[in-house]
Every structure is written in structure tokens, then in C-alpha cells.
C-alpha atoms as a PDB file:
ATOM      1  CA  UNK A   1       0.000   0.000   0.000  1.00  0.00           C
ATOM      2  CA  UNK A   2       1.287   3.442  -0.894  1.00  0.00           C
ATOM      3  CA  UNK A   3       1.568   5.917   1.976  1.00  0.00           C
ATOM      4  CA  UNK A   4      -0.328   8.625   0.063  1.00  0.00           C
ATOM      5  CA  UNK A   5      -3.270   6.246  -0.409  1.00  0.00           C
ATOM      6  CA  UNK A   6      -3.360   5.036   3.183  1.00  0.00           C
ATOM      7  CA  UNK A   7      -2.868   8.491   4.747  1.00  0.00           C
ATOM      8  CA  UNK A   8      -4.741  11.130   2.715  1.00  0.00           C
ATOM      9  CA  UNK A   9      -4.683  13.719   5.518  1.00  0.00           C
ATOM     10  CA  UNK A  10      -2.610  16.910   5.451  1.00  0.00           C
ATOM     11  CA  UNK A  11      -0.873  16.165   8.748  1.00  0.00           C
ATOM     12  CA  UNK A  12      -0.454  12.626  10.076  1.00  0.00           C
ATOM     13  CA  UNK A  13       0.908  11.421  13.406  1.00  0.00           C
ATOM     14  CA  UNK A  14       2.013   7.810  13.861  1.00  0.00           C
ATOM     15  CA  UNK A  15       1.079   5.898  16.977  1.00  0.00           C
ATOM     16  CA  UNK A  16       4.180   5.677  19.177  1.00  0.00           C
ATOM     17  CA  UNK A  17       5.724   2.819  21.106  1.00  0.00           C
ATOM     18  CA  UNK A  18       8.848   3.248  23.158  1.00  0.00           C
ATOM     19  CA  UNK A  19      10.917   0.060  22.955  1.00  0.00           C
ATOM     20  CA  UNK A  20      12.289  -0.906  26.364  1.00  0.00           C
ATOM     21  CA  UNK A  21      15.068  -3.162  27.566  1.00  0.00           C
ATOM     22  CA  UNK A  22      13.363  -5.481  30.034  1.00  0.00           C
ATOM     23  CA  UNK A  23      16.718  -6.461  31.501  1.00  0.00           C
ATOM     24  CA  UNK A  24      14.971  -8.907  33.809  1.00  0.00           C
ATOM     25  CA  UNK A  25      14.134 -11.119  30.809  1.00  0.00           C
ATOM     26  CA  UNK A  26      16.300  -9.818  27.930  1.00  0.00           C
ATOM     27  CA  UNK A  27      20.060  -9.926  27.374  1.00  0.00           C
ATOM     28  CA  UNK A  28      22.170  -6.883  26.456  1.00  0.00           C
ATOM     29  CA  UNK A  29      21.696  -5.785  22.850  1.00  0.00           C
ATOM     30  CA  UNK A  30      23.791  -7.463  20.154  1.00  0.00           C
ATOM     31  CA  UNK A  31      24.114  -4.920  17.330  1.00  0.00           C
ATOM     32  CA  UNK A  32      24.928  -7.669  14.836  1.00  0.00           C
ATOM     33  CA  UNK A  33      21.340  -8.956  15.122  1.00  0.00           C
ATOM     34  CA  UNK A  34      18.020  -7.250  14.280  1.00  0.00           C
ATOM     35  CA  UNK A  35      16.863  -5.083  17.200  1.00  0.00           C
ATOM     36  CA  UNK A  36      13.256  -6.247  17.325  1.00  0.00           C
ATOM     37  CA  UNK A  37      14.330  -9.888  17.487  1.00  0.00           C
ATOM     38  CA  UNK A  38      15.998  -8.978  20.788  1.00  0.00           C
ATOM     39  CA  UNK A  39      13.621  -6.331  22.122  1.00  0.00           C
ATOM     40  CA  UNK A  40      10.083  -7.633  22.329  1.00  0.00           C
ATOM     41  CA  UNK A  41       8.544  -5.136  24.760  1.00  0.00           C
ATOM     42  CA  UNK A  42       7.437  -1.544  24.652  1.00  0.00           C
ATOM     43  CA  UNK A  43       5.214   1.048  26.226  1.00  0.00           C
ATOM     44  CA  UNK A  44       2.779   3.546  24.792  1.00  0.00           C
ATOM     45  CA  UNK A  45       4.225   7.055  24.870  1.00  0.00           C
ATOM     46  CA  UNK A  46       2.047   9.748  23.291  1.00  0.00           C
ATOM     47  CA  UNK A  47       4.943  12.209  23.440  1.00  0.00           C
ATOM     48  CA  UNK A  48       6.266  10.583  20.270  1.00  0.00           C
ATOM     49  CA  UNK A  49       2.954  10.617  18.378  1.00  0.00           C
ATOM     50  CA  UNK A  50       4.553  13.479  16.456  1.00  0.00           C
ATOM     51  CA  UNK A  51       3.130  15.078  13.305  1.00  0.00           C
ATOM     52  CA  UNK A  52       5.616  13.376  10.958  1.00  0.00           C
ATOM     53  CA  UNK A  53       3.815  13.286   7.606  1.00  0.00           C
ATOM     54  CA  UNK A  54       3.179  16.897   6.614  1.00  0.00           C
ATOM     55  CA  UNK A  55       1.648  18.024   3.322  1.00  0.00           C
ATOM     56  CA  UNK A  56       1.096  21.722   4.087  1.00  0.00           C
ATOM     57  CA  UNK A  57       3.050  24.455   5.852  1.00  0.00           C
ATOM     58  CA  UNK A  58       2.857  24.110   9.642  1.00  0.00           C
ATOM     59  CA  UNK A  59       4.662  25.541  12.628  1.00  0.00           C
ATOM     60  CA  UNK A  60       6.234  22.804  14.748  1.00  0.00           C
ATOM     61  CA  UNK A  61       7.193  22.859  18.408  1.00  0.00           C
ATOM     62  CA  UNK A  62      10.788  22.352  19.481  1.00  0.00           C
ATOM     63  CA  UNK A  63      11.412  18.647  18.951  1.00  0.00           C
ATOM     64  CA  UNK A  64       8.508  18.440  16.481  1.00  0.00           C
ATOM     65  CA  UNK A  65       6.105  16.997  19.055  1.00  0.00           C
ATOM     66  CA  UNK A  66       3.197  19.321  18.193  1.00  0.00           C
ATOM     67  CA  UNK A  67       2.096  21.720  15.457  1.00  0.00           C
ATOM     68  CA  UNK A  68      -0.347  24.505  14.759  1.00  0.00           C
ATOM     69  CA  UNK A  69      -2.474  22.168  12.615  1.00  0.00           C
ATOM     70  CA  UNK A  70      -5.907  21.969  14.248  1.00  0.00           C
ATOM     71  CA  UNK A  71      -6.810  18.375  13.392  1.00  0.00           C
ATOM     72  CA  UNK A  72      -5.199  15.309  14.918  1.00  0.00           C
ATOM     73  CA  UNK A  73      -5.003  12.334  12.611  1.00  0.00           C
ATOM     74  CA  UNK A  74      -3.484   9.526  14.638  1.00  0.00           C
ATOM     75  CA  UNK A  75      -2.680   6.894  12.052  1.00  0.00           C
ATOM     76  CA  UNK A  76      -3.922   3.329  12.187  1.00  0.00           C
ATOM     77  CA  UNK A  77      -1.276   2.410   9.588  1.00  0.00           C
ATOM     78  CA  UNK A  78       1.927   3.963  10.922  1.00  0.00           C
ATOM     79  CA  UNK A  79       3.867   3.282  14.095  1.00  0.00           C
ATOM     80  CA  UNK A  80       6.843   5.160  15.439  1.00  0.00           C
ATOM     81  CA  UNK A  81       9.342   3.162  17.500  1.00  0.00           C
ATOM     82  CA  UNK A  82      11.307   5.287  19.964  1.00  0.00           C
ATOM     83  CA  UNK A  83      14.607   3.582  20.786  1.00  0.00           C
ATOM     84  CA  UNK A  84      16.190   5.602  23.599  1.00  0.00           C
ATOM     85  CA  UNK A  85      15.729   2.775  26.126  1.00  0.00           C
ATOM     86  CA  UNK A  86      16.635  -0.249  23.973  1.00  0.00           C
ATOM     87  CA  UNK A  87      19.708  -1.192  25.982  1.00  0.00           C
ATOM     88  CA  UNK A  88      20.356  -0.496  29.656  1.00  0.00           C
ATOM     89  CA  UNK A  89      24.175  -0.386  29.424  1.00  0.00           C
ATOM     90  CA  UNK A  90      24.114   1.876  26.365  1.00  0.00           C
ATOM     91  CA  UNK A  91      21.601   4.162  28.102  1.00  0.00           C
ATOM     92  CA  UNK A  92      23.769   4.451  31.239  1.00  0.00           C
ATOM     93  CA  UNK A  93      26.845   5.336  29.202  1.00  0.00           C
ATOM     94  CA  UNK A  94      25.023   7.876  27.033  1.00  0.00           C
ATOM     95  CA  UNK A  95      23.306   9.444  30.051  1.00  0.00           C
ATOM     96  CA  UNK A  96      26.640   9.922  31.833  1.00  0.00           C
ATOM     97  CA  UNK A  97      28.011  11.685  28.741  1.00  0.00           C
ATOM     98  CA  UNK A  98      24.914  13.881  28.364  1.00  0.00           C
ATOM     99  CA  UNK A  99      24.988  14.937  31.995  1.00  0.00           C
ATOM    100  CA  UNK A 100      28.672  15.845  31.714  1.00  0.00           C
ATOM    101  CA  UNK A 101      27.791  18.085  28.755  1.00  0.00           C
ATOM    102  CA  UNK A 102      24.956  19.914  30.533  1.00  0.00           C
ATOM    103  CA  UNK A 103      25.619  19.926  34.286  1.00  0.00           C
ATOM    104  CA  UNK A 104      28.570  21.477  36.109  1.00  0.00           C
ATOM    105  CA  UNK A 105      30.516  19.523  38.738  1.00  0.00           C
ATOM    106  CA  UNK A 106      28.569  21.251  41.504  1.00  0.00           C
ATOM    107  CA  UNK A 107      25.259  20.012  40.073  1.00  0.00           C
ATOM    108  CA  UNK A 108      24.289  23.346  38.512  1.00  0.00           C
ATOM    109  CA  UNK A 109      22.631  23.036  35.099  1.00  0.00           C
ATOM    110  CA  UNK A 110      24.552  25.255  32.705  1.00  0.00           C
ATOM    111  CA  UNK A 111      23.084  24.141  29.364  1.00  0.00           C
ATOM    112  CA  UNK A 112      19.338  24.723  29.184  1.00  0.00           C
ATOM    113  CA  UNK A 113      19.024  24.224  25.419  1.00  0.00           C
ATOM    114  CA  UNK A 114      18.818  20.440  25.751  1.00  0.00           C
ATOM    115  CA  UNK A 115      15.817  18.486  26.933  1.00  0.00           C
ATOM    116  CA  UNK A 116      15.277  17.921  30.648  1.00  0.00           C
ATOM    117  CA  UNK A 117      16.281  14.281  30.286  1.00  0.00           C
ATOM    118  CA  UNK A 118      19.893  15.267  29.633  1.00  0.00           C
ATOM    119  CA  UNK A 119      20.281  16.548  33.194  1.00  0.00           C
ATOM    120  CA  UNK A 120      19.400  13.297  34.973  1.00  0.00           C
ATOM    121  CA  UNK A 121      22.202  11.138  36.255  1.00  0.00           C
ATOM    122  CA  UNK A 122      22.656   7.513  35.208  1.00  0.00           C
ATOM    123  CA  UNK A 123      21.091   6.295  38.459  1.00  0.00           C
ATOM    124  CA  UNK A 124      17.865   8.124  37.599  1.00  0.00           C
ATOM    125  CA  UNK A 125      17.784   6.363  34.214  1.00  0.00           C
ATOM    126  CA  UNK A 126      18.440   3.017  35.877  1.00  0.00           C
ATOM    127  CA  UNK A 127      15.616   3.685  38.344  1.00  0.00           C
ATOM    128  CA  UNK A 128      13.343   4.633  35.441  1.00  0.00           C
ATOM    129  CA  UNK A 129      13.959   1.311  33.669  1.00  0.00           C
ATOM    130  CA  UNK A 130      13.553  -0.548  36.963  1.00  0.00           C
ATOM    131  CA  UNK A 131      10.110   1.041  37.408  1.00  0.00           C
ATOM    132  CA  UNK A 132       8.824  -0.937  34.412  1.00  0.00           C
ATOM    133  CA  UNK A 133      10.044  -4.185  35.930  1.00  0.00           C
ATOM    134  CA  UNK A 134       8.438  -3.247  39.255  1.00  0.00           C
ATOM    135  CA  UNK A 135       5.086  -2.709  37.496  1.00  0.00           C
ATOM    136  CA  UNK A 136       4.951  -6.378  36.540  1.00  0.00           C
ATOM    137  CA  UNK A 137       5.303  -8.679  33.575  1.00  0.00           C
ATOM    138  CA  UNK A 138       4.539  -7.383  30.074  1.00  0.00           C
ATOM    139  CA  UNK A 139       0.932  -7.602  28.884  1.00  0.00           C
ATOM    140  CA  UNK A 140       0.030  -9.279  25.613  1.00  0.00           C
ATOM    141  CA  UNK A 141      -2.745  -7.166  24.049  1.00  0.00           C
ATOM    142  CA  UNK A 142      -1.791  -6.832  20.396  1.00  0.00           C
ATOM    143  CA  UNK A 143      -0.993  -3.393  19.043  1.00  0.00           C
ATOM    144  CA  UNK A 144      -4.333  -1.719  18.362  1.00  0.00           C
ATOM    145  CA  UNK A 145      -4.238   0.148  21.704  1.00  0.00           C
ATOM    146  CA  UNK A 146      -7.763   1.439  21.101  1.00  0.00           C
ATOM    147  CA  UNK A 147      -8.268   2.852  24.589  1.00  0.00           C
ATOM    148  CA  UNK A 148      -4.950   4.711  24.523  1.00  0.00           C
ATOM    149  CA  UNK A 149      -5.769   6.104  21.070  1.00  0.00           C
ATOM    150  CA  UNK A 150      -9.115   7.370  22.383  1.00  0.00           C
ATOM    151  CA  UNK A 151      -7.433   9.035  25.371  1.00  0.00           C
ATOM    152  CA  UNK A 152      -4.940  10.802  23.098  1.00  0.00           C
ATOM    153  CA  UNK A 153      -7.668  11.953  20.725  1.00  0.00           C
ATOM    154  CA  UNK A 154     -10.003  13.111  23.529  1.00  0.00           C
ATOM    155  CA  UNK A 155      -7.269  15.273  25.036  1.00  0.00           C
ATOM    156  CA  UNK A 156      -6.542  17.125  21.756  1.00  0.00           C
ATOM    157  CA  UNK A 157      -6.774  20.867  22.383  1.00  0.00           C
ATOM    158  CA  UNK A 158      -5.294  24.221  21.486  1.00  0.00           C
ATOM    159  CA  UNK A 159      -2.621  25.531  23.837  1.00  0.00           C
ATOM    160  CA  UNK A 160      -3.444  29.234  23.759  1.00  0.00           C
ATOM    161  CA  UNK A 161      -0.013  30.263  25.039  1.00  0.00           C
ATOM    162  CA  UNK A 162       1.986  28.546  22.267  1.00  0.00           C
ATOM    163  CA  UNK A 163      -0.660  28.530  19.527  1.00  0.00           C
ATOM    164  CA  UNK A 164      -0.015  24.803  19.065  1.00  0.00           C
ATOM    165  CA  UNK A 165      -2.459  21.920  19.158  1.00  0.00           C
ATOM    166  CA  UNK A 166      -1.467  19.282  21.710  1.00  0.00           C
ATOM    167  CA  UNK A 167      -2.645  16.093  23.326  1.00  0.00           C
ATOM    168  CA  UNK A 168      -1.900  14.925  26.845  1.00  0.00           C
ATOM    169  CA  UNK A 169       1.399  13.187  27.488  1.00  0.00           C
ATOM    170  CA  UNK A 170      -0.102   9.722  27.854  1.00  0.00           C
ATOM    171  CA  UNK A 171       2.431   7.232  29.191  1.00  0.00           C
ATOM    172  CA  UNK A 172       2.626   4.871  32.117  1.00  0.00           C
ATOM    173  CA  UNK A 173       4.770   2.020  33.383  1.00  0.00           C
ATOM    174  CA  UNK A 174       2.905  -0.830  31.690  1.00  0.00           C
ATOM    175  CA  UNK A 175       4.854  -2.767  29.092  1.00  0.00           C
ATOM    176  CA  UNK A 176       3.351  -4.698  26.224  1.00  0.00           C
ATOM    177  CA  UNK A 177       4.600  -7.636  24.199  1.00  0.00           C
ATOM    178  CA  UNK A 178       5.169  -6.769  20.558  1.00  0.00           C
ATOM    179  CA  UNK A 179       3.671  -9.112  17.952  1.00  0.00           C
ATOM    180  CA  UNK A 180       6.139 -11.563  16.396  1.00  0.00           C
ATOM    181  CA  UNK A 181       5.560  -9.984  12.967  1.00  0.00           C
ATOM    182  CA  UNK A 182       7.572  -6.937  14.123  1.00  0.00           C
ATOM    183  CA  UNK A 183      10.762  -8.985  14.570  1.00  0.00           C
ATOM    184  CA  UNK A 184      11.795  -8.579  10.926  1.00  0.00           C
ATOM    185  CA  UNK A 185      11.210  -4.814  10.631  1.00  0.00           C
ATOM    186  CA  UNK A 186      14.708  -3.795  11.796  1.00  0.00           C
END
């Protein structure tokens, strides 16, 4: 199916899953193998339901998370996979480097141009990943996520201050098992 046929809207946002390293049941990532054969779990994160397919001029927020386009079309055909948390060891190393670039030795943040996540220390990232394990085993629900889609769509509103249309930042600590058909994507 051609993208233009499946998504005739002017601005399209994919549905977003953040792929997580469930280090309680998955080994460290082997970059010589396909990622989704090794990472079978993710969480819904509306933050990454970004307006990615754009067929008219729009103003985007920093990071491209929102736009001034008034209609939300959350695609049934496109999924965005966010990969920041795909490997615990890689995350810890990268987070240490990011913090060194943005936070002085005394803990004072000196670079405010980066996202807030850059300022956290590696322990905070480790605790974040641990919180998914603490929530329980992954759920196996398929990938339609109808109730999450409805929550995102219901929260769509104009932010008067920025002039951008936004949805709530839907995310929680539940993890979901990805369908086997995703293993060959990348």
C-alpha cells in the first residue's frame, strides 16, 4: 500500500511505542542482530505521536512533538518506535556523557538548550527502567491500543499560550509484548 493512499490527511501522526530493555528477561543488545528480534517489549508514549507526515506548511514545536495544525489524525497504519531505552548499558553510558555536557561539577545546570532528560544522572535512568520491571510482567494485548488512542484523541486541544495543538502526554509504566511480525522490521 502506498503511503499517500493510506494516509490522505494533510498532517499525520504515527502511533508511538517506546521500545524498552526489560533487563529482567532480555540480554544486552547485540548490534549484529536485528533489534526487534531482541527487544520484544514496549510502552505507549504519546509524546512521540509526532506530526511526521506533513503536506502543508505548519509551525512545529521544538522537537517536532506538536504543530499549529488543528486536526489530529493519529494513524492506524503507521507506528513510530522510539529507541532511547533499547539497551540499559548503552543508556547508562550515554546518560553519563549527556549529563557531563549539561551539568557542572557542583550540580548546577549550565546548558538549558537540551531536553530535561539530559540533566538526569545515570542512576535516575536506571531507576526509570527498573520502574517498568516493578510494574509487573509485560501484557500481551496486540498493538491496536484502542483505549490509549481514544485518550490521546479526547485530550486534543489548542494551547493558547503557544498557539499549538497538543494532546496529553499519555504514558505509564505498563509494558506490552510486541507481535512476532515486528521482529523482521529492523
